[in-house]
Protein backbone atom coordinates (compact mmCIF):
# COMPACT_ATOMS: atom_id res chain seq x y z
CA UNK A 1 -37.24 -2.50 24.00
CA UNK A 2 -35.27 -0.77 21.30
CA UNK A 3 -32.21 -2.29 19.76
CA UNK A 4 -29.67 0.08 18.28
CA UNK A 5 -27.10 -1.28 15.91
CA UNK A 6 -24.19 0.95 15.05
CA UNK A 7 -22.20 0.24 11.96
CA UNK A 8 -18.64 1.42 11.78
CA UNK A 9 -17.97 2.64 8.26
CA UNK A 10 -14.33 2.92 7.45
CA UNK A 11 -12.82 4.76 4.54
CA UNK A 12 -10.68 2.49 2.39
CA UNK A 13 -8.01 3.94 0.13
CA UNK A 14 -6.10 1.93 -2.42
CA UNK A 15 -2.73 3.29 -3.49
CA UNK A 16 -1.62 2.31 -6.96
CA UNK A 17 1.65 3.49 -8.39
CA UNK A 18 5.01 2.50 -9.71
CA UNK A 19 7.88 1.76 -7.35
CA UNK A 20 9.27 4.96 -5.86
CA UNK A 21 6.30 7.09 -6.87
CA UNK A 22 5.61 8.25 -3.31
CA UNK A 23 2.92 5.97 -1.92
CA UNK A 24 4.49 5.70 1.55
CA UNK A 25 5.09 9.44 1.64
CA UNK A 26 1.41 9.93 0.78
CA UNK A 27 0.51 7.83 3.84
CA UNK A 28 2.84 9.82 6.11
CA UNK A 29 1.50 13.15 4.88
CA UNK A 30 -2.12 12.03 5.16
CA UNK A 31 -1.43 10.93 8.74
CA UNK A 32 -0.20 14.45 9.52
CA UNK A 33 -3.16 16.10 7.81
CA UNK A 34 -5.91 13.81 9.14
CA UNK A 35 -5.24 14.49 12.80
CA UNK A 36 -7.74 12.84 15.07
CA UNK A 37 -8.33 9.99 12.61
CA UNK A 38 -6.75 6.59 13.05
CA UNK A 39 -5.01 5.26 9.96
CA UNK A 40 -4.07 1.66 9.20
CA UNK A 41 -1.33 1.25 6.58
CA UNK A 42 -1.46 -2.19 5.01
CA UNK A 43 1.19 -3.03 2.44
CA UNK A 44 1.00 -6.14 0.29
CA UNK A 45 4.80 -6.22 0.28
CA UNK A 46 4.82 -6.46 4.11
CA UNK A 47 2.66 -9.57 3.94
CA UNK A 48 5.01 -11.09 1.35
CA UNK A 49 8.10 -9.97 3.27
CA UNK A 50 6.84 -11.73 6.42
CA UNK A 51 6.59 -14.95 4.43
CA UNK A 52 10.09 -14.59 2.97
CA UNK A 53 11.47 -13.84 6.44
CA UNK A 54 9.92 -17.04 7.79
CA UNK A 55 11.69 -18.94 5.03
CA UNK A 56 14.94 -17.08 5.70
CA UNK A 57 14.99 -15.69 2.16
CA UNK A 58 16.13 -12.15 1.33
CA UNK A 59 13.39 -9.60 0.65
CA UNK A 60 14.63 -8.57 -2.76
CA UNK A 61 12.17 -6.98 -5.16
CA UNK A 62 12.53 -10.05 -7.39
CA UNK A 63 11.73 -12.47 -4.52
CA UNK A 64 8.70 -10.39 -3.50
CA UNK A 65 7.42 -10.28 -7.08
CA UNK A 66 7.99 -14.00 -7.61
CA UNK A 67 6.26 -14.96 -4.37
CA UNK A 68 3.15 -13.00 -5.32
CA UNK A 69 3.07 -14.68 -8.74
CA UNK A 70 3.63 -18.15 -7.25
CA UNK A 71 0.84 -17.64 -4.71
CA UNK A 72 -1.50 -16.43 -7.44
CA UNK A 73 -0.67 -19.38 -9.70
CA UNK A 74 -0.76 -22.03 -6.95
CA UNK A 75 -3.63 -20.86 -4.76
CA UNK A 76 -5.81 -19.03 -7.25
CA UNK A 77 -6.15 -15.59 -8.73
CA UNK A 78 -6.29 -12.95 -6.04
CA UNK A 79 -4.84 -15.01 -3.19
CA UNK A 80 -2.74 -12.06 -1.98
CA UNK A 81 -5.75 -9.75 -2.38
CA UNK A 82 -7.80 -12.07 -0.15
CA UNK A 83 -5.17 -11.91 2.59
CA UNK A 84 -5.11 -8.11 2.39
CA UNK A 85 -8.93 -8.00 2.50
CA UNK A 86 -8.89 -9.95 5.75
CA UNK A 87 -6.40 -7.47 7.24
CA UNK A 88 -8.57 -4.56 6.12
CA UNK A 89 -11.70 -6.13 7.59
CA UNK A 90 -9.93 -6.77 10.90
CA UNK A 91 -8.83 -3.14 11.17
CA UNK A 92 -10.81 -0.75 13.35
CA UNK A 93 -9.06 2.33 11.95
CA UNK A 94 -11.04 5.25 10.53
CA UNK A 95 -9.01 5.15 7.32
CA UNK A 96 -7.54 1.91 5.98
CA UNK A 97 -4.93 2.25 3.27
CA UNK A 98 -4.02 -0.64 0.98
CA UNK A 99 -0.59 0.37 -0.29
CA UNK A 100 0.55 -1.57 -3.34
CA UNK A 101 -2.50 -2.14 -5.52
CA UNK A 102 -1.11 -4.09 -8.46
CA UNK A 103 -3.83 -6.31 -9.93
CA UNK A 104 -7.51 -6.11 -10.83
CA UNK A 105 -8.28 -8.38 -7.85
CA UNK A 106 -6.76 -5.68 -5.61
CA UNK A 107 -9.11 -3.09 -7.08
CA UNK A 108 -12.06 -5.48 -6.63
CA UNK A 109 -11.02 -5.90 -2.99
CA UNK A 110 -11.03 -2.14 -2.41
CA UNK A 111 -14.36 -1.68 -4.19
CA UNK A 112 -15.98 -4.19 -1.81
CA UNK A 113 -16.03 -1.39 0.74
CA UNK A 114 -18.80 1.18 0.42
CA UNK A 115 -16.57 4.19 1.05
CA UNK A 116 -13.50 3.50 -1.07
CA UNK A 117 -11.20 5.34 -3.44
CA UNK A 118 -8.37 4.29 -5.71
CA UNK A 119 -5.51 6.78 -5.90
CA UNK A 120 -2.85 6.59 -8.59
CA UNK A 121 0.49 8.16 -7.66
CA UNK A 122 3.16 8.50 -10.31
CA UNK A 123 6.46 10.20 -11.04
CA UNK A 124 9.10 10.25 -13.75
CA UNK A 125 11.11 6.99 -13.93
CA UNK A 126 14.53 8.59 -13.30
CA UNK A 127 13.21 10.34 -10.18
CA UNK A 128 11.61 7.14 -8.90
CA UNK A 129 14.86 5.25 -9.49
CA UNK A 130 16.83 7.80 -7.44
CA UNK A 131 14.26 7.59 -4.63
CA UNK A 132 14.52 3.79 -4.49
CA UNK A 133 18.31 3.87 -4.32
CA UNK A 134 18.17 6.48 -1.56
CA UNK A 135 15.59 4.74 0.63
CA UNK A 136 17.08 1.24 0.14
CA UNK A 137 13.96 -0.38 1.58
CA UNK A 138 14.35 -3.72 -0.15
CA UNK A 139 17.52 -5.79 -0.21
CA UNK A 140 19.81 -4.66 -3.02
CA UNK A 141 17.97 -1.49 -4.01
CA UNK A 142 21.01 0.65 -3.28
CA UNK A 143 23.06 -1.24 -5.88
CA UNK A 144 20.35 -1.62 -8.53
CA UNK A 145 21.26 -0.17 -11.90
CA UNK A 146 18.81 1.92 -13.88
CA UNK A 147 18.56 -0.89 -16.45
CA UNK A 148 17.68 -3.41 -13.70
CA UNK A 149 15.11 -0.95 -12.35
CA UNK A 150 13.46 -0.67 -15.78
CA UNK A 151 13.53 -4.46 -16.19
CA UNK A 152 11.81 -4.97 -12.80
CA UNK A 153 9.08 -2.57 -13.95
CA UNK A 154 8.14 -5.15 -16.61
CA UNK A 155 7.51 -7.94 -14.08
CA UNK A 156 4.04 -9.51 -13.99
CA UNK A 157 3.31 -7.75 -10.70
CA UNK A 158 4.01 -4.33 -12.23
CA UNK A 159 2.65 -4.38 -15.79
CA UNK A 160 -0.99 -3.71 -14.93
CA UNK A 161 -0.37 -0.54 -12.93
CA UNK A 162 -0.99 1.77 -15.90
CA UNK A 163 -4.23 -0.05 -16.74
CA UNK A 164 -5.43 0.21 -13.14
CA UNK A 165 -4.54 3.90 -13.14
CA UNK A 166 -7.29 4.48 -15.70
CA UNK A 167 -9.90 3.44 -13.12
CA UNK A 168 -8.45 5.57 -10.31
CA UNK A 169 -10.63 8.15 -8.61
CA UNK A 170 -7.64 10.47 -8.16
CA UNK A 171 -4.27 10.91 -9.83
CA UNK A 172 -1.30 12.56 -8.16
CA UNK A 173 1.86 13.42 -10.08
CA UNK A 174 4.75 13.50 -7.64
CA UNK A 175 7.57 15.13 -9.60
CA UNK A 176 8.01 18.12 -7.32
CA UNK A 177 9.01 18.90 -3.76
CA UNK A 178 7.70 17.37 -0.55
CA UNK A 179 5.76 20.60 0.10
CA UNK A 180 4.08 20.30 -3.30
CA UNK A 181 3.11 16.71 -2.59
CA UNK A 182 1.74 17.69 0.80
CA UNK A 183 -0.45 20.30 -0.89
CA UNK A 184 -1.81 17.63 -3.26
CA UNK A 185 -2.51 15.26 -0.36
CA UNK A 186 -4.31 18.09 1.45
CA UNK A 187 -6.41 18.78 -1.64
CA UNK A 188 -7.29 15.09 -1.82
CA UNK A 189 -8.23 15.01 1.86
CA UNK A 190 -10.41 18.09 1.60
CA UNK A 191 -12.13 17.12 -1.65
CA UNK A 192 -11.84 13.32 -1.72
């Protein structure tokens, strides 16, 4: 009697980048390019937003940042990373994307998977600010001033992004058009 054990090996991508750099757009474009592959999009901010919603608190960028810091301080370093790891492990998708890598524990979580890559996506601050105001994803983004935007970039959840970028497998500068970004995502998919 022969016993065959099949192991499902998923590709895990970690997206690191400043707010408004184009991480979600990367996911949408990769979904178009990688036809026939299932993609799971896991955002750390979604996990935090669910918690704030349960408490009937607004999902402002400040509240999301503070909740992550509180959880890290109260329940141990990497508590949010551990929750994301569980979601990634539970996924049966071909490609699992962790959108919102912010801390070294997030990178460690990604690297636990054999087939993983860290992608740093960046853009000029003014352009990112305009994108955030336009998309208005988080409460109050449409009324945020440029000075507030720059101040939020100095929050504890944001300050390590540049350091993490140094360990990224790929870097994408997203200062151009959507077509240009799509070409960069295609290059990543073909060569990554």
